[in-house]
Amino acid sequence: RSYSQDYDSCLKTCEKLSALEPRKGDSYAFRALCLLKRGNDSEADRYWEKAKTCGCELSSHFENVRDVKMQGYNN
């Protein structure tokens, strides 16, 4: 299984979570991380801002989605 398939799966899960709980920012933050890894920088920035607006703890620690380093995924 390739990393791109994992990102697709993660994006689908994030979409579902956002629909169920649109005021919680975690799904937006993880969507932003996946989009960034897929090269969609503008959408990643948009979802990162949405995560920050919703009070996501992860996004409160990093001003920019590019600042997040996830072991095993930033190679």
C-alpha atoms as a PDB file:
ATOM      1  CA  ARG A   1       0.000   0.000   0.000  1.00  0.00           C
ATOM      2  CA  SER A   2       1.423   3.376  -0.965  1.00  0.00           C
ATOM      3  CA  TYR A   3       1.529   6.541   1.132  1.00  0.00           C
ATOM      4  CA  SER A   4      -0.805   8.265  -1.347  1.00  0.00           C
ATOM      5  CA  GLN A   5      -3.485   5.671  -0.627  1.00  0.00           C
ATOM      6  CA  ASP A   6      -3.079   6.314   3.092  1.00  0.00           C
ATOM      7  CA  TYR A   7      -3.564  10.053   2.478  1.00  0.00           C
ATOM      8  CA  ASP A   8      -6.688   9.356   0.443  1.00  0.00           C
ATOM      9  CA  SER A   9      -8.083   7.207   3.236  1.00  0.00           C
ATOM     10  CA  CYS A  10      -7.225   9.834   5.842  1.00  0.00           C
ATOM     11  CA  LEU A  11      -8.887  12.570   3.776  1.00  0.00           C
ATOM     12  CA  LYS A  12     -12.081  10.518   3.469  1.00  0.00           C
ATOM     13  CA  THR A  13     -12.137   9.910   7.217  1.00  0.00           C
ATOM     14  CA  CYS A  14     -11.538  13.611   7.913  1.00  0.00           C
ATOM     15  CA  GLU A  15     -14.418  14.565   5.619  1.00  0.00           C
ATOM     16  CA  LYS A  16     -16.753  12.271   7.549  1.00  0.00           C
ATOM     17  CA  LEU A  17     -15.568  13.593  10.915  1.00  0.00           C
ATOM     18  CA  SER A  18     -15.961  17.199   9.769  1.00  0.00           C
ATOM     19  CA  ALA A  19     -19.530  16.481   8.703  1.00  0.00           C
ATOM     20  CA  LEU A  20     -20.323  14.875  12.070  1.00  0.00           C
ATOM     21  CA  GLU A  21     -18.571  17.481  14.230  1.00  0.00           C
ATOM     22  CA  PRO A  22     -17.919  20.619  12.171  1.00  0.00           C
ATOM     23  CA  ARG A  23     -16.856  22.699  15.179  1.00  0.00           C
ATOM     24  CA  LYS A  24     -14.002  20.392  16.203  1.00  0.00           C
ATOM     25  CA  GLY A  25     -10.718  21.237  14.553  1.00  0.00           C
ATOM     26  CA  ASP A  26      -8.780  17.965  14.635  1.00  0.00           C
ATOM     27  CA  SER A  27     -10.210  16.690  11.352  1.00  0.00           C
ATOM     28  CA  TYR A  28      -9.315  19.984   9.660  1.00  0.00           C
ATOM     29  CA  ALA A  29      -5.736  19.827  10.972  1.00  0.00           C
ATOM     30  CA  PHE A  30      -5.186  16.278   9.759  1.00  0.00           C
ATOM     31  CA  ARG A  31      -6.815  17.116   6.445  1.00  0.00           C
ATOM     32  CA  ALA A  32      -4.376  20.018   6.111  1.00  0.00           C
ATOM     33  CA  LEU A  33      -1.413  17.720   6.789  1.00  0.00           C
ATOM     34  CA  CYS A  34      -2.561  15.221   4.164  1.00  0.00           C
ATOM     35  CA  LEU A  35      -3.198  17.920   1.594  1.00  0.00           C
ATOM     36  CA  LEU A  36       0.237  19.396   2.209  1.00  0.00           C
ATOM     37  CA  LYS A  37       1.895  16.006   1.638  1.00  0.00           C
ATOM     38  CA  ARG A  38      -0.077  15.648  -1.607  1.00  0.00           C
ATOM     39  CA  GLY A  39       1.208  19.025  -2.786  1.00  0.00           C
ATOM     40  CA  ASN A  40      -1.996  21.015  -2.409  1.00  0.00           C
ATOM     41  CA  ASP A  41      -0.498  23.879  -0.409  1.00  0.00           C
ATOM     42  CA  SER A  42      -3.315  26.408  -0.741  1.00  0.00           C
ATOM     43  CA  GLU A  43      -5.965  23.947   0.440  1.00  0.00           C
ATOM     44  CA  ALA A  44      -3.664  22.816   3.264  1.00  0.00           C
ATOM     45  CA  ASP A  45      -3.333  26.419   4.426  1.00  0.00           C
ATOM     46  CA  ARG A  46      -7.096  26.911   4.257  1.00  0.00           C
ATOM     47  CA  TYR A  47      -7.832  23.844   6.386  1.00  0.00           C
ATOM     48  CA  TRP A  48      -5.059  24.710   8.848  1.00  0.00           C
ATOM     49  CA  GLU A  49      -6.659  28.103   9.419  1.00  0.00           C
ATOM     50  CA  LYS A  50     -10.031  26.393   9.882  1.00  0.00           C
ATOM     51  CA  ALA A  51      -8.470  24.071  12.474  1.00  0.00           C
ATOM     52  CA  LYS A  52      -7.049  27.058  14.350  1.00  0.00           C
ATOM     53  CA  THR A  53     -10.420  28.813  14.230  1.00  0.00           C
ATOM     54  CA  CYS A  54     -12.072  25.737  15.744  1.00  0.00           C
ATOM     55  CA  GLY A  55      -9.579  25.588  18.600  1.00  0.00           C
ATOM     56  CA  CYS A  56      -7.625  22.506  17.541  1.00  0.00           C
ATOM     57  CA  GLU A  57      -4.862  21.799  20.052  1.00  0.00           C
ATOM     58  CA  LEU A  58      -2.356  20.674  17.402  1.00  0.00           C
ATOM     59  CA  SER A  59      -2.764  23.843  15.360  1.00  0.00           C
ATOM     60  CA  SER A  60      -2.442  25.972  18.485  1.00  0.00           C
ATOM     61  CA  HIS A  61       1.160  24.741  18.852  1.00  0.00           C
ATOM     62  CA  PHE A  62       2.195  25.489  15.264  1.00  0.00           C
ATOM     63  CA  GLU A  63       1.545  28.733  13.430  1.00  0.00           C
ATOM     64  CA  ASN A  64       1.934  27.117  10.022  1.00  0.00           C
ATOM     65  CA  VAL A  65       1.053  23.619   8.814  1.00  0.00           C
ATOM     66  CA  ARG A  66       4.598  23.351   7.370  1.00  0.00           C
ATOM     67  CA  ASP A  67       6.010  23.595  10.893  1.00  0.00           C
ATOM     68  CA  VAL A  68       4.503  20.253  11.943  1.00  0.00           C
ATOM     69  CA  LYS A  69       6.967  17.386  11.848  1.00  0.00           C
ATOM     70  CA  MET A  70       5.513  13.902  12.075  1.00  0.00           C
ATOM     71  CA  GLN A  71       8.007  11.106  12.552  1.00  0.00           C
ATOM     72  CA  GLY A  72       7.953   8.794   9.564  1.00  0.00           C
ATOM     73  CA  TYR A  73       6.010  11.188   7.326  1.00  0.00           C
ATOM     74  CA  ASN A  74       8.372  14.113   6.771  1.00  0.00           C
ATOM     75  CA  ASN A  75      11.075  12.217   4.885  1.00  0.00           C
END
